[in-house]
Amino acid sequence: MWNNLGIISLRLGKYKEAIESIEKSLELDPKNANSLASLGEVQEEKEEFEKAIEYYKKAIELNPNNNS
């Protein structure tokens, strides 16, 4: 649920709120590849490409067979 709230905040351009919500999701499940990918998406939108790549790589490590 926290990850979904983060995605909605991202779509509204509220990057700080998006990060906070997604991080709460990761507190509950540190190995949630979807939440890590969502953090990557937030960083990408912020044009923080190096950070985005780090999050995407972590998500891939946790779930290498996810094609989405």
Protein backbone atom coordinates (compact mmCIF):
# COMPACT_ATOMS: atom_id res chain seq x y z
CA MET A 1 0.00 0.00 0.00
CA TRP A 2 2.84 2.42 0.82
CA ASN A 3 4.41 1.78 -2.56
CA ASN A 4 1.11 2.60 -4.30
CA LEU A 5 0.85 5.85 -2.35
CA GLY A 6 4.40 6.63 -3.44
CA ILE A 7 3.54 6.05 -7.09
CA ILE A 8 0.54 8.36 -6.84
CA SER A 9 2.69 11.03 -5.19
CA LEU A 10 5.22 10.62 -7.99
CA ARG A 11 2.52 11.12 -10.63
CA LEU A 12 1.50 14.31 -8.84
CA GLY A 13 5.10 15.54 -8.90
CA LYS A 14 5.46 15.26 -5.12
CA TYR A 15 8.86 13.61 -5.13
CA LYS A 16 9.66 14.01 -1.43
CA GLU A 17 6.33 12.43 -0.44
CA ALA A 18 6.85 9.68 -3.00
CA ILE A 19 10.25 8.79 -1.57
CA GLU A 20 8.95 8.83 2.01
CA SER A 21 6.06 6.51 1.17
CA ILE A 22 8.17 4.07 -0.81
CA GLU A 23 10.80 4.00 1.93
CA LYS A 24 8.04 3.06 4.41
CA SER A 25 7.17 0.19 2.10
CA LEU A 26 10.80 -0.92 2.19
CA GLU A 27 10.87 -0.71 5.99
CA LEU A 28 8.11 -3.32 6.01
CA ASP A 29 9.73 -5.44 3.29
CA PRO A 30 13.37 -4.54 2.56
CA LYS A 31 13.53 -7.03 -0.30
CA ASN A 32 10.55 -5.67 -2.19
CA ALA A 33 11.86 -5.37 -5.75
CA ASN A 34 8.81 -3.37 -6.87
CA SER A 35 9.45 -0.71 -4.23
CA LEU A 36 13.11 -0.50 -5.19
CA ALA A 37 12.11 -0.08 -8.82
CA SER A 38 9.66 2.62 -7.76
CA LEU A 39 12.46 4.50 -6.01
CA GLY A 40 14.41 4.20 -9.23
CA GLU A 41 11.50 5.71 -11.10
CA VAL A 42 11.32 8.65 -8.68
CA GLN A 43 15.04 9.28 -9.08
CA GLU A 44 14.72 9.05 -12.84
CA GLU A 45 11.96 11.67 -12.81
CA LYS A 46 14.20 13.89 -10.69
CA GLU A 47 16.95 13.37 -13.27
CA GLU A 48 19.12 11.70 -10.63
CA PHE A 49 20.12 9.04 -13.09
CA GLU A 50 22.99 7.47 -11.13
CA LYS A 51 20.71 6.94 -8.12
CA ALA A 52 18.00 5.58 -10.40
CA ILE A 53 20.39 3.05 -11.87
CA GLU A 54 21.42 1.90 -8.37
CA TYR A 55 17.81 1.26 -7.38
CA TYR A 56 17.00 -0.49 -10.65
CA LYS A 57 20.05 -2.75 -10.26
CA LYS A 58 19.01 -3.68 -6.71
CA ALA A 59 15.50 -4.48 -7.94
CA ILE A 60 16.88 -6.68 -10.72
CA GLU A 61 19.14 -8.52 -8.27
CA LEU A 62 16.13 -9.36 -6.11
CA ASN A 63 13.87 -10.30 -8.98
CA PRO A 64 15.88 -11.06 -12.13
CA ASN A 65 12.97 -12.75 -13.92
CA ASN A 66 10.62 -9.76 -13.77
CA ASN A 67 10.12 -8.50 -17.32
CA SER A 68 8.15 -5.37 -16.42
